[in-house]
Amino acid sequence: MPRRRQPEAAARIPVTASCAGCDATWTDPATAHCRSCHQSWPSVEGFDEHLVECPARPVIAARRARRDSEPSGAGVA
């Protein structure tokens, strides 16, 4: 039985991403897709502008501000 060869380490293997809520698929890692209204953009910049006025109004979780008094993780059990 012949052995299967692994792709070379430097070989680029295309990955197809998809949205579970629609039929959209893309292979470019720079592509952004809104999972609320299912529109796609070739860059994150267009997506960021879209979020402000998305017709589906996705819920965007607020980020918690990091306080300087929080431990950096050293010595935390």
PDB file of N, CA and C in Angstrom:
ATOM      1  N   MET A   1       0.849  -1.175   0.000  1.00  0.00           N
ATOM      2  CA  MET A   1       0.000   0.000   0.000  1.00  0.00           C
ATOM      3  C   MET A   1       0.895   1.239   0.000  1.00  0.00           C
ATOM      4  N   PRO A   2       0.720   2.156  -0.957  1.00  0.00           N
ATOM      5  CA  PRO A   2       1.579   3.344  -1.015  1.00  0.00           C
ATOM      6  C   PRO A   2       1.294   4.292   0.150  1.00  0.00           C
ATOM      7  N   ARG A   3       2.372   4.928   0.612  1.00  0.00           N
ATOM      8  CA  ARG A   3       2.239   5.878   1.718  1.00  0.00           C
ATOM      9  C   ARG A   3       1.721   7.207   1.190  1.00  0.00           C
ATOM     10  N   ARG A   4       0.903   7.856   1.993  1.00  0.00           N
ATOM     11  CA  ARG A   4       0.385   9.177   1.623  1.00  0.00           C
ATOM     12  C   ARG A   4       1.432  10.209   1.984  1.00  0.00           C
ATOM     13  N   ARG A   5       1.668  11.148   1.088  1.00  0.00           N
ATOM     14  CA  ARG A   5       2.655  12.187   1.335  1.00  0.00           C
ATOM     15  C   ARG A   5       1.988  13.390   1.969  1.00  0.00           C
ATOM     16  N   GLN A   6       2.664  13.962   2.935  1.00  0.00           N
ATOM     17  CA  GLN A   6       2.209  15.195   3.575  1.00  0.00           C
ATOM     18  C   GLN A   6       2.579  16.366   2.676  1.00  0.00           C
ATOM     19  N   PRO A   7       1.775  17.441   2.676  1.00  0.00           N
ATOM     20  CA  PRO A   7       2.159  18.619   1.888  1.00  0.00           C
ATOM     21  C   PRO A   7       3.410  19.248   2.485  1.00  0.00           C
ATOM     22  N   GLU A   8       4.176  19.921   1.643  1.00  0.00           N
ATOM     23  CA  GLU A   8       5.385  20.580   2.118  1.00  0.00           C
ATOM     24  C   GLU A   8       5.019  21.628   3.155  1.00  0.00           C
ATOM     25  N   ALA A   9       5.939  21.882   4.071  1.00  0.00           N
ATOM     26  CA  ALA A   9       5.682  22.833   5.156  1.00  0.00           C
ATOM     27  C   ALA A   9       5.365  24.223   4.623  1.00  0.00           C
ATOM     28  N   ALA A  10       5.974  24.622   3.521  1.00  0.00           N
ATOM     29  CA  ALA A  10       5.762  25.965   2.976  1.00  0.00           C
ATOM     30  C   ALA A  10       4.552  26.025   2.038  1.00  0.00           C
ATOM     31  N   ALA A  11       3.943  24.904   1.757  1.00  0.00           N
ATOM     32  CA  ALA A  11       2.806  24.889   0.838  1.00  0.00           C
ATOM     33  C   ALA A  11       1.608  25.588   1.465  1.00  0.00           C
ATOM     34  N   ARG A  12       0.924  26.384   0.675  1.00  0.00           N
ATOM     35  CA  ARG A  12      -0.269  27.089   1.157  1.00  0.00           C
ATOM     36  C   ARG A  12      -1.484  26.234   0.837  1.00  0.00           C
ATOM     37  N   ILE A  13      -2.187  25.818   1.861  1.00  0.00           N
ATOM     38  CA  ILE A  13      -3.381  25.010   1.680  1.00  0.00           C
ATOM     39  C   ILE A  13      -4.584  25.933   1.835  1.00  0.00           C
ATOM     40  N   PRO A  14      -5.367  26.141   0.769  1.00  0.00           N
ATOM     41  CA  PRO A  14      -6.510  27.052   0.880  1.00  0.00           C
ATOM     42  C   PRO A  14      -7.569  26.510   1.834  1.00  0.00           C
ATOM     43  N   VAL A  15      -8.096  27.393   2.641  1.00  0.00           N
ATOM     44  CA  VAL A  15      -9.138  27.036   3.591  1.00  0.00           C
ATOM     45  C   VAL A  15     -10.391  27.796   3.207  1.00  0.00           C
ATOM     46  N   THR A  16     -11.488  27.115   3.125  1.00  0.00           N
ATOM     47  CA  THR A  16     -12.752  27.766   2.817  1.00  0.00           C
ATOM     48  C   THR A  16     -13.505  27.995   4.111  1.00  0.00           C
ATOM     49  N   ALA A  17     -13.837  29.261   4.356  1.00  0.00           N
ATOM     50  CA  ALA A  17     -14.646  29.611   5.524  1.00  0.00           C
ATOM     51  C   ALA A  17     -16.084  29.761   5.058  1.00  0.00           C
ATOM     52  N   SER A  18     -17.012  29.559   5.966  1.00  0.00           N
ATOM     53  CA  SER A  18     -18.416  29.688   5.603  1.00  0.00           C
ATOM     54  C   SER A  18     -19.212  30.207   6.787  1.00  0.00           C
ATOM     55  N   CYS A  19     -20.410  30.659   6.492  1.00  0.00           N
ATOM     56  CA  CYS A  19     -21.325  31.160   7.513  1.00  0.00           C
ATOM     57  C   CYS A  19     -22.401  30.100   7.735  1.00  0.00           C
ATOM     58  N   ALA A  20     -22.673  29.783   8.988  1.00  0.00           N
ATOM     59  CA  ALA A  20     -23.694  28.782   9.299  1.00  0.00           C
ATOM     60  C   ALA A  20     -25.102  29.304   9.051  1.00  0.00           C
ATOM     61  N   GLY A  21     -25.264  30.629   8.991  1.00  0.00           N
ATOM     62  CA  GLY A  21     -26.590  31.204   8.825  1.00  0.00           C
ATOM     63  C   GLY A  21     -26.982  31.503   7.393  1.00  0.00           C
ATOM     64  N   CYS A  22     -26.035  31.361   6.452  1.00  0.00           N
ATOM     65  CA  CYS A  22     -26.346  31.610   5.039  1.00  0.00           C
ATOM     66  C   CYS A  22     -25.437  30.734   4.183  1.00  0.00           C
ATOM     67  N   ASP A  23     -25.486  30.906   2.891  1.00  0.00           N
ATOM     68  CA  ASP A  23     -24.694  30.084   1.980  1.00  0.00           C
ATOM     69  C   ASP A  23     -23.355  30.707   1.613  1.00  0.00           C
ATOM     70  N   ALA A  24     -22.952  31.792   2.267  1.00  0.00           N
ATOM     71  CA  ALA A  24     -21.712  32.482   1.917  1.00  0.00           C
ATOM     72  C   ALA A  24     -20.492  31.635   2.261  1.00  0.00           C
ATOM     73  N   THR A  25     -19.529  31.607   1.333  1.00  0.00           N
ATOM     74  CA  THR A  25     -18.237  30.970   1.567  1.00  0.00           C
ATOM     75  C   THR A  25     -17.153  31.896   1.035  1.00  0.00           C
ATOM     76  N   TRP A  26     -15.941  31.820   1.620  1.00  0.00           N
ATOM     77  CA  TRP A  26     -14.832  32.639   1.152  1.00  0.00           C
ATOM     78  C   TRP A  26     -13.530  31.960   1.521  1.00  0.00           C
ATOM     79  N   THR A  27     -12.469  32.279   0.770  1.00  0.00           N
ATOM     80  CA  THR A  27     -11.154  31.700   1.029  1.00  0.00           C
ATOM     81  C   THR A  27     -10.127  32.751   1.429  1.00  0.00           C
ATOM     82  N   ASP A  28     -10.391  34.017   1.164  1.00  0.00           N
ATOM     83  CA  ASP A  28      -9.447  35.082   1.509  1.00  0.00           C
ATOM     84  C   ASP A  28      -9.514  35.357   3.007  1.00  0.00           C
ATOM     85  N   PRO A  29      -8.397  35.244   3.734  1.00  0.00           N
ATOM     86  CA  PRO A  29      -8.435  35.477   5.183  1.00  0.00           C
ATOM     87  C   PRO A  29      -8.767  36.915   5.567  1.00  0.00           C
ATOM     88  N   ALA A  30      -8.658  37.856   4.640  1.00  0.00           N
ATOM     89  CA  ALA A  30      -8.974  39.254   4.944  1.00  0.00           C
ATOM     90  C   ALA A  30     -10.471  39.538   4.835  1.00  0.00           C
ATOM     91  N   THR A  31     -11.240  38.616   4.301  1.00  0.00           N
ATOM     92  CA  THR A  31     -12.675  38.819   4.128  1.00  0.00           C
ATOM     93  C   THR A  31     -13.382  38.868   5.475  1.00  0.00           C
ATOM     94  N   ALA A  32     -14.329  39.802   5.596  1.00  0.00           N
ATOM     95  CA  ALA A  32     -15.140  39.918   6.809  1.00  0.00           C
ATOM     96  C   ALA A  32     -16.595  39.653   6.436  1.00  0.00           C
ATOM     97  N   HIS A  33     -17.322  39.008   7.330  1.00  0.00           N
ATOM     98  CA  HIS A  33     -18.717  38.643   7.064  1.00  0.00           C
ATOM     99  C   HIS A  33     -19.558  38.965   8.290  1.00  0.00           C
ATOM    100  N   CYS A  34     -20.676  39.643   8.091  1.00  0.00           N
ATOM    101  CA  CYS A  34     -21.584  39.976   9.189  1.00  0.00           C
ATOM    102  C   CYS A  34     -22.539  38.802   9.384  1.00  0.00           C
ATOM    103  N   ARG A  35     -22.491  38.187  10.557  1.00  0.00           N
ATOM    104  CA  ARG A  35     -23.361  37.037  10.785  1.00  0.00           C
ATOM    105  C   ARG A  35     -24.774  37.445  11.168  1.00  0.00           C
ATOM    106  N   SER A  36     -25.028  38.755  11.266  1.00  0.00           N
ATOM    107  CA  SER A  36     -26.386  39.221  11.542  1.00  0.00           C
ATOM    108  C   SER A  36     -27.169  39.461  10.259  1.00  0.00           C
ATOM    109  N   CYS A  37     -26.574  40.211   9.310  1.00  0.00           N
ATOM    110  CA  CYS A  37     -27.298  40.517   8.067  1.00  0.00           C
ATOM    111  C   CYS A  37     -26.718  39.773   6.866  1.00  0.00           C
ATOM    112  N   HIS A  38     -25.618  39.050   7.064  1.00  0.00           N
ATOM    113  CA  HIS A  38     -25.009  38.172   6.063  1.00  0.00           C
ATOM    114  C   HIS A  38     -24.462  38.897   4.841  1.00  0.00           C
ATOM    115  N   GLN A  39     -23.914  40.085   5.029  1.00  0.00           N
ATOM    116  CA  GLN A  39     -23.184  40.776   3.971  1.00  0.00           C
ATOM    117  C   GLN A  39     -21.701  40.489   4.170  1.00  0.00           C
ATOM    118  N   SER A  40     -20.929  40.550   3.086  1.00  0.00           N
ATOM    119  CA  SER A  40     -19.488  40.294   3.166  1.00  0.00           C
ATOM    120  C   SER A  40     -18.705  41.477   2.622  1.00  0.00           C
ATOM    121  N   TRP A  41     -17.465  41.656   3.128  1.00  0.00           N
ATOM    122  CA  TRP A  41     -16.573  42.734   2.710  1.00  0.00           C
ATOM    123  C   TRP A  41     -15.191  42.157   2.485  1.00  0.00           C
ATOM    124  N   PRO A  42     -14.446  42.750   1.553  1.00  0.00           N
ATOM    125  CA  PRO A  42     -13.093  42.257   1.292  1.00  0.00           C
ATOM    126  C   PRO A  42     -12.082  42.649   2.365  1.00  0.00           C
ATOM    127  N   SER A  43     -12.480  43.535   3.283  1.00  0.00           N
ATOM    128  CA  SER A  43     -11.554  43.962   4.338  1.00  0.00           C
ATOM    129  C   SER A  43     -12.311  44.238   5.631  1.00  0.00           C
ATOM    130  N   VAL A  44     -11.586  44.299   6.723  1.00  0.00           N
ATOM    131  CA  VAL A  44     -12.184  44.570   8.028  1.00  0.00           C
ATOM    132  C   VAL A  44     -12.685  46.009   8.112  1.00  0.00           C
ATOM    133  N   GLU A  45     -12.025  46.930   7.398  1.00  0.00           N
ATOM    134  CA  GLU A  45     -12.427  48.336   7.462  1.00  0.00           C
ATOM    135  C   GLU A  45     -13.881  48.526   7.031  1.00  0.00           C
ATOM    136  N   GLY A  46     -14.280  47.902   5.946  1.00  0.00           N
ATOM    137  CA  GLY A  46     -15.664  48.013   5.491  1.00  0.00           C
ATOM    138  C   GLY A  46     -16.636  47.409   6.488  1.00  0.00           C
ATOM    139  N   PHE A  47     -16.238  46.326   7.101  1.00  0.00           N
ATOM    140  CA  PHE A  47     -17.080  45.676   8.100  1.00  0.00           C
ATOM    141  C   PHE A  47     -17.241  46.556   9.331  1.00  0.00           C
ATOM    142  N   ASP A  48     -16.156  47.184   9.785  1.00  0.00           N
ATOM    143  CA  ASP A  48     -16.226  48.069  10.951  1.00  0.00           C
ATOM    144  C   ASP A  48     -17.188  49.224  10.715  1.00  0.00           C
ATOM    145  N   GLU A  49     -17.142  49.812   9.522  1.00  0.00           N
ATOM    146  CA  GLU A  49     -18.066  50.900   9.188  1.00  0.00           C
ATOM    147  C   GLU A  49     -19.501  50.387   9.161  1.00  0.00           C
ATOM    148  N   HIS A  50     -19.692  49.181   8.698  1.00  0.00           N
ATOM    149  CA  HIS A  50     -21.022  48.587   8.594  1.00  0.00           C
ATOM    150  C   HIS A  50     -21.663  48.345   9.963  1.00  0.00           C
ATOM    151  N   LEU A  51     -20.877  47.941  10.946  1.00  0.00           N
ATOM    152  CA  LEU A  51     -21.432  47.593  12.255  1.00  0.00           C
ATOM    153  C   LEU A  51     -22.236  48.720  12.883  1.00  0.00           C
ATOM    154  N   VAL A  52     -21.843  49.952  12.627  1.00  0.00           N
ATOM    155  CA  VAL A  52     -22.532  51.097  13.219  1.00  0.00           C
ATOM    156  C   VAL A  52     -23.974  51.185  12.731  1.00  0.00           C
ATOM    157  N   GLU A  53     -24.199  50.858  11.462  1.00  0.00           N
ATOM    158  CA  GLU A  53     -25.537  51.011  10.876  1.00  0.00           C
ATOM    159  C   GLU A  53     -26.099  49.704  10.318  1.00  0.00           C
ATOM    160  N   CYS A  54     -25.713  48.577  10.872  1.00  0.00           N
ATOM    161  CA  CYS A  54     -26.203  47.286  10.390  1.00  0.00           C
ATOM    162  C   CYS A  54     -27.717  47.221  10.546  1.00  0.00           C
ATOM    163  N   PRO A  55     -28.446  46.880   9.474  1.00  0.00           N
ATOM    164  CA  PRO A  55     -29.903  46.804   9.572  1.00  0.00           C
ATOM    165  C   PRO A  55     -30.383  45.726  10.549  1.00  0.00           C
ATOM    166  N   ALA A  56     -29.578  44.700  10.803  1.00  0.00           N
ATOM    167  CA  ALA A  56     -29.969  43.642  11.735  1.00  0.00           C
ATOM    168  C   ALA A  56     -29.607  43.989  13.176  1.00  0.00           C
ATOM    169  N   ARG A  57     -28.873  45.058  13.375  1.00  0.00           N
ATOM    170  CA  ARG A  57     -28.469  45.556  14.695  1.00  0.00           C
ATOM    171  C   ARG A  57     -27.893  44.450  15.586  1.00  0.00           C
ATOM    172  N   PRO A  58     -26.682  43.969  15.251  1.00  0.00           N
ATOM    173  CA  PRO A  58     -26.086  42.924  16.090  1.00  0.00           C
ATOM    174  C   PRO A  58     -25.718  43.467  17.465  1.00  0.00           C
ATOM    175  N   VAL A  59     -25.794  42.615  18.459  1.00  0.00           N
ATOM    176  CA  VAL A  59     -25.420  43.003  19.816  1.00  0.00           C
ATOM    177  C   VAL A  59     -23.902  42.908  19.923  1.00  0.00           C
ATOM    178  N   ILE A  60     -23.276  44.010  20.262  1.00  0.00           N
ATOM    179  CA  ILE A  60     -21.826  44.048  20.400  1.00  0.00           C
ATOM    180  C   ILE A  60     -21.511  44.157  21.881  1.00  0.00           C
ATOM    181  N   ALA A  61     -20.839  43.169  22.408  1.00  0.00           N
ATOM    182  CA  ALA A  61     -20.513  43.162  23.836  1.00  0.00           C
ATOM    183  C   ALA A  61     -19.517  44.266  24.150  1.00  0.00           C
ATOM    184  N   ALA A  62     -19.772  44.966  25.235  1.00  0.00           N
ATOM    185  CA  ALA A  62     -18.857  46.023  25.656  1.00  0.00           C
ATOM    186  C   ALA A  62     -17.587  45.402  26.217  1.00  0.00           C
ATOM    187  N   ARG A  63     -16.476  46.052  25.946  1.00  0.00           N
ATOM    188  CA  ARG A  63     -15.208  45.573  26.485  1.00  0.00           C
ATOM    189  C   ARG A  63     -15.003  46.136  27.874  1.00  0.00           C
ATOM    190  N   ARG A  64     -14.457  45.322  28.726  1.00  0.00           N
ATOM    191  CA  ARG A  64     -14.150  45.760  30.072  1.00  0.00           C
ATOM    192  C   ARG A  64     -12.782  46.425  30.057  1.00  0.00           C
ATOM    193  N   ALA A  65     -12.706  47.614  30.602  1.00  0.00           N
ATOM    194  CA  ALA A  65     -11.431  48.322  30.649  1.00  0.00           C
ATOM    195  C   ALA A  65     -10.500  47.637  31.636  1.00  0.00           C
ATOM    196  N   ARG A  66      -9.261  47.493  31.261  1.00  0.00           N
ATOM    197  CA  ARG A  66      -8.283  46.880  32.159  1.00  0.00           C
ATOM    198  C   ARG A  66      -7.800  47.928  33.156  1.00  0.00           C
ATOM    199  N   ARG A  67      -7.811  47.542  34.399  1.00  0.00           N
ATOM    200  CA  ARG A  67      -7.332  48.439  35.445  1.00  0.00           C
ATOM    201  C   ARG A  67      -5.872  48.135  35.724  1.00  0.00           C
ATOM    202  N   ASP A  68      -5.105  49.169  36.051  1.00  0.00           N
ATOM    203  CA  ASP A  68      -3.683  48.983  36.339  1.00  0.00           C
ATOM    204  C   ASP A  68      -3.462  48.159  37.596  1.00  0.00           C
ATOM    205  N   SER A  69      -4.437  48.142  38.495  1.00  0.00           N
ATOM    206  CA  SER A  69      -4.272  47.426  39.755  1.00  0.00           C
ATOM    207  C   SER A  69      -4.499  45.923  39.623  1.00  0.00           C
ATOM    208  N   GLU A  70      -4.953  45.450  38.453  1.00  0.00           N
ATOM    209  CA  GLU A  70      -5.181  44.024  38.265  1.00  0.00           C
ATOM    210  C   GLU A  70      -3.856  43.287  38.166  1.00  0.00           C
ATOM    211  N   PRO A  71      -3.777  42.096  38.731  1.00  0.00           N
ATOM    212  CA  PRO A  71      -2.535  41.321  38.608  1.00  0.00           C
ATOM    213  C   PRO A  71      -2.333  40.890  37.162  1.00  0.00           C
ATOM    214  N   SER A  72      -1.115  40.783  36.755  1.00  0.00           N
ATOM    215  CA  SER A  72      -0.803  40.406  35.377  1.00  0.00           C
ATOM    216  C   SER A  72      -0.861  38.906  35.160  1.00  0.00           C
ATOM    217  N   GLY A  73      -1.190  38.162  36.196  1.00  0.00           N
ATOM    218  CA  GLY A  73      -1.273  36.711  36.073  1.00  0.00           C
ATOM    219  C   GLY A  73      -0.142  36.011  36.797  1.00  0.00           C
ATOM    220  N   ALA A  74       0.856  36.761  37.230  1.00  0.00           N
ATOM    221  CA  ALA A  74       1.978  36.161  37.946  1.00  0.00           C
ATOM    222  C   ALA A  74       1.543  35.762  39.349  1.00  0.00           C
ATOM    223  N   GLY A  75       1.792  34.538  39.718  1.00  0.00           N
ATOM    224  CA  GLY A  75       1.468  34.066  41.055  1.00  0.00           C
ATOM    225  C   GLY A  75       0.009  33.736  41.266  1.00  0.00           C
ATOM    226  N   VAL A  76      -0.789  33.716  40.203  1.00  0.00           N
ATOM    227  CA  VAL A  76      -2.209  33.386  40.332  1.00  0.00           C
ATOM    228  C   VAL A  76      -2.343  31.873  40.299  1.00  0.00           C
ATOM    229  N   ALA A  77      -3.055  31.334  41.244  1.00  0.00           N
ATOM    230  CA  ALA A  77      -3.195  29.871  41.328  1.00  0.00           C
ATOM    231  C   ALA A  77      -4.364  29.391  40.525  1.00  0.00           C
TER     232      ALA A  77
END
